């Protein structure tokens, strides 16, 4: 099921947010860690995180951590282009990324 153009995990189990009498709606993955009904008896969403270890280099100027809602709307280079001029003001940089993601039609979490 898509809600606002964003795919969502669904189940007819009768738990979650109601879409209709025959189908319930869950948040895509953000609730997978805490919602038991998404894990048992059969896992609907896997709560294993995607972990990467990256060695930072002295030439790296910043690290930008965003949710998939941002990267659904903005390419990596676009995010960097927004952030780089604002490295001295991280709060302003974060707000610029969120504002641009919404302007580009982000329909998911843009934290």
C-alpha atoms as a PDB file:
ATOM      1  CA  UNK A   1       0.000   0.000   0.000  1.00  0.00           C
ATOM      2  CA  UNK A   2       1.237   3.512  -0.747  1.00  0.00           C
ATOM      3  CA  UNK A   3       0.309   6.423   1.503  1.00  0.00           C
ATOM      4  CA  UNK A   4       1.194   9.806   0.069  1.00  0.00           C
ATOM      5  CA  UNK A   5       3.383   8.049  -2.484  1.00  0.00           C
ATOM      6  CA  UNK A   6       5.379   6.245   0.226  1.00  0.00           C
ATOM      7  CA  UNK A   7       5.242   2.412   0.364  1.00  0.00           C
ATOM      8  CA  UNK A   8       4.065   1.033   3.707  1.00  0.00           C
ATOM      9  CA  UNK A   9       4.118  -2.450   5.232  1.00  0.00           C
ATOM     10  CA  UNK A  10       0.590  -3.811   5.544  1.00  0.00           C
ATOM     11  CA  UNK A  11      -1.078  -6.792   7.159  1.00  0.00           C
ATOM     12  CA  UNK A  12      -4.600  -8.162   7.419  1.00  0.00           C
ATOM     13  CA  UNK A  13      -3.892  -9.176  11.027  1.00  0.00           C
ATOM     14  CA  UNK A  14      -6.039  -6.352  12.389  1.00  0.00           C
ATOM     15  CA  UNK A  15      -3.266  -4.502  14.220  1.00  0.00           C
ATOM     16  CA  UNK A  16      -1.643  -1.231  13.317  1.00  0.00           C
ATOM     17  CA  UNK A  17      -3.278   1.865  11.873  1.00  0.00           C
ATOM     18  CA  UNK A  18      -6.541   1.153  10.096  1.00  0.00           C
ATOM     19  CA  UNK A  19      -6.749   1.665   6.346  1.00  0.00           C
ATOM     20  CA  UNK A  20      -9.864  -0.443   5.856  1.00  0.00           C
ATOM     21  CA  UNK A  21     -11.618  -3.284   7.648  1.00  0.00           C
ATOM     22  CA  UNK A  22      -9.588  -5.860   5.721  1.00  0.00           C
ATOM     23  CA  UNK A  23      -6.189  -4.194   5.888  1.00  0.00           C
ATOM     24  CA  UNK A  24      -4.061  -2.447   8.527  1.00  0.00           C
ATOM     25  CA  UNK A  25      -1.201  -0.050   7.978  1.00  0.00           C
ATOM     26  CA  UNK A  26       2.176   0.036   9.700  1.00  0.00           C
ATOM     27  CA  UNK A  27       4.944   2.578   9.576  1.00  0.00           C
ATOM     28  CA  UNK A  28       7.554   1.428   7.065  1.00  0.00           C
ATOM     29  CA  UNK A  29      10.323   0.432   9.499  1.00  0.00           C
ATOM     30  CA  UNK A  30      10.590   2.996  12.258  1.00  0.00           C
ATOM     31  CA  UNK A  31       8.330   0.988  14.575  1.00  0.00           C
ATOM     32  CA  UNK A  32       9.896  -2.394  13.839  1.00  0.00           C
ATOM     33  CA  UNK A  33      12.115  -2.292  16.905  1.00  0.00           C
ATOM     34  CA  UNK A  34       9.304  -1.798  19.427  1.00  0.00           C
ATOM     35  CA  UNK A  35       6.184  -3.382  17.949  1.00  0.00           C
ATOM     36  CA  UNK A  36       5.937  -7.038  18.952  1.00  0.00           C
ATOM     37  CA  UNK A  37       3.148  -7.679  16.444  1.00  0.00           C
ATOM     38  CA  UNK A  38       5.614  -6.872  13.666  1.00  0.00           C
ATOM     39  CA  UNK A  39       8.047  -9.538  14.940  1.00  0.00           C
ATOM     40  CA  UNK A  40       5.935 -12.515  16.090  1.00  0.00           C
ATOM     41  CA  UNK A  41       4.720 -15.045  15.233  1.00  0.00           C
ATOM     42  CA  UNK A  42       6.310 -14.357  11.836  1.00  0.00           C
ATOM     43  CA  UNK A  43       8.476 -11.274  11.255  1.00  0.00           C
ATOM     44  CA  UNK A  44       6.841  -8.692   8.995  1.00  0.00           C
ATOM     45  CA  UNK A  45       9.672  -6.179   9.327  1.00  0.00           C
ATOM     46  CA  UNK A  46      13.213  -7.083  10.350  1.00  0.00           C
ATOM     47  CA  UNK A  47      14.607  -4.922  13.137  1.00  0.00           C
ATOM     48  CA  UNK A  48      18.247  -5.681  12.341  1.00  0.00           C
ATOM     49  CA  UNK A  49      19.957  -2.362  11.626  1.00  0.00           C
ATOM     50  CA  UNK A  50      22.029  -1.768   8.521  1.00  0.00           C
ATOM     51  CA  UNK A  51      25.438  -1.021  10.029  1.00  0.00           C
ATOM     52  CA  UNK A  52      28.458   0.216   8.156  1.00  0.00           C
ATOM     53  CA  UNK A  53      31.859   1.044   9.554  1.00  0.00           C
ATOM     54  CA  UNK A  54      33.595   3.839   7.705  1.00  0.00           C
ATOM     55  CA  UNK A  55      37.034   5.099   8.538  1.00  0.00           C
ATOM     56  CA  UNK A  56      37.042   8.887   8.553  1.00  0.00           C
ATOM     57  CA  UNK A  57      39.890  10.579   6.774  1.00  0.00           C
ATOM     58  CA  UNK A  58      41.461  13.907   7.798  1.00  0.00           C
ATOM     59  CA  UNK A  59      40.250  15.251   4.442  1.00  0.00           C
ATOM     60  CA  UNK A  60      36.607  14.584   5.389  1.00  0.00           C
ATOM     61  CA  UNK A  61      34.922  17.878   6.213  1.00  0.00           C
ATOM     62  CA  UNK A  62      31.692  16.534   7.683  1.00  0.00           C
ATOM     63  CA  UNK A  63      29.443  13.555   8.291  1.00  0.00           C
ATOM     64  CA  UNK A  64      25.780  13.922   7.348  1.00  0.00           C
ATOM     65  CA  UNK A  65      23.387  11.407   8.885  1.00  0.00           C
ATOM     66  CA  UNK A  66      19.863  11.449   7.434  1.00  0.00           C
ATOM     67  CA  UNK A  67      16.819   9.187   7.269  1.00  0.00           C
ATOM     68  CA  UNK A  68      15.594   7.521   4.112  1.00  0.00           C
ATOM     69  CA  UNK A  69      12.918  10.204   3.741  1.00  0.00           C
ATOM     70  CA  UNK A  70      15.682  12.684   2.892  1.00  0.00           C
ATOM     71  CA  UNK A  71      17.513  10.403   0.482  1.00  0.00           C
ATOM     72  CA  UNK A  72      14.225   9.499  -1.226  1.00  0.00           C
ATOM     73  CA  UNK A  73      13.937  13.188  -2.189  1.00  0.00           C
ATOM     74  CA  UNK A  74      17.561  14.374  -2.460  1.00  0.00           C
ATOM     75  CA  UNK A  75      20.650  12.878  -4.052  1.00  0.00           C
ATOM     76  CA  UNK A  76      23.803  12.587  -1.929  1.00  0.00           C
ATOM     77  CA  UNK A  77      25.492  15.392  -3.890  1.00  0.00           C
ATOM     78  CA  UNK A  78      22.489  17.692  -3.413  1.00  0.00           C
ATOM     79  CA  UNK A  79      22.657  17.115   0.357  1.00  0.00           C
ATOM     80  CA  UNK A  80      26.373  17.871   0.373  1.00  0.00           C
ATOM     81  CA  UNK A  81      25.838  21.024  -1.711  1.00  0.00           C
ATOM     82  CA  UNK A  82      23.318  22.250   0.877  1.00  0.00           C
ATOM     83  CA  UNK A  83      25.442  21.389   3.923  1.00  0.00           C
ATOM     84  CA  UNK A  84      28.949  22.363   2.854  1.00  0.00           C
ATOM     85  CA  UNK A  85      28.462  26.167   2.924  1.00  0.00           C
ATOM     86  CA  UNK A  86      26.864  25.848   6.380  1.00  0.00           C
ATOM     87  CA  UNK A  87      29.469  23.718   8.160  1.00  0.00           C
ATOM     88  CA  UNK A  88      29.918  26.415  10.805  1.00  0.00           C
ATOM     89  CA  UNK A  89      26.184  26.285  11.646  1.00  0.00           C
ATOM     90  CA  UNK A  90      24.981  22.649  11.896  1.00  0.00           C
ATOM     91  CA  UNK A  91      21.466  23.647  12.990  1.00  0.00           C
ATOM     92  CA  UNK A  92      21.019  25.829   9.915  1.00  0.00           C
ATOM     93  CA  UNK A  93      22.493  23.084   7.714  1.00  0.00           C
ATOM     94  CA  UNK A  94      20.019  20.520   9.078  1.00  0.00           C
ATOM     95  CA  UNK A  95      17.083  22.879   8.553  1.00  0.00           C
ATOM     96  CA  UNK A  96      18.222  23.562   4.981  1.00  0.00           C
ATOM     97  CA  UNK A  97      18.275  19.826   4.208  1.00  0.00           C
ATOM     98  CA  UNK A  98      14.810  19.286   5.702  1.00  0.00           C
ATOM     99  CA  UNK A  99      13.373  22.334   3.917  1.00  0.00           C
ATOM    100  CA  UNK A 100      14.819  21.236   0.554  1.00  0.00           C
ATOM    101  CA  UNK A 101      13.648  17.637   1.005  1.00  0.00           C
ATOM    102  CA  UNK A 102      10.091  18.849   1.615  1.00  0.00           C
ATOM    103  CA  UNK A 103      10.352  21.232  -1.344  1.00  0.00           C
ATOM    104  CA  UNK A 104      11.364  18.287  -3.530  1.00  0.00           C
ATOM    105  CA  UNK A 105       8.289  16.325  -2.430  1.00  0.00           C
ATOM    106  CA  UNK A 106       9.532  14.219   0.486  1.00  0.00           C
ATOM    107  CA  UNK A 107       6.551  12.376   1.935  1.00  0.00           C
ATOM    108  CA  UNK A 108       8.347  10.367   4.619  1.00  0.00           C
ATOM    109  CA  UNK A 109      10.312  11.161   7.778  1.00  0.00           C
ATOM    110  CA  UNK A 110      12.978  13.731   6.923  1.00  0.00           C
ATOM    111  CA  UNK A 111      15.001  13.792  10.141  1.00  0.00           C
END
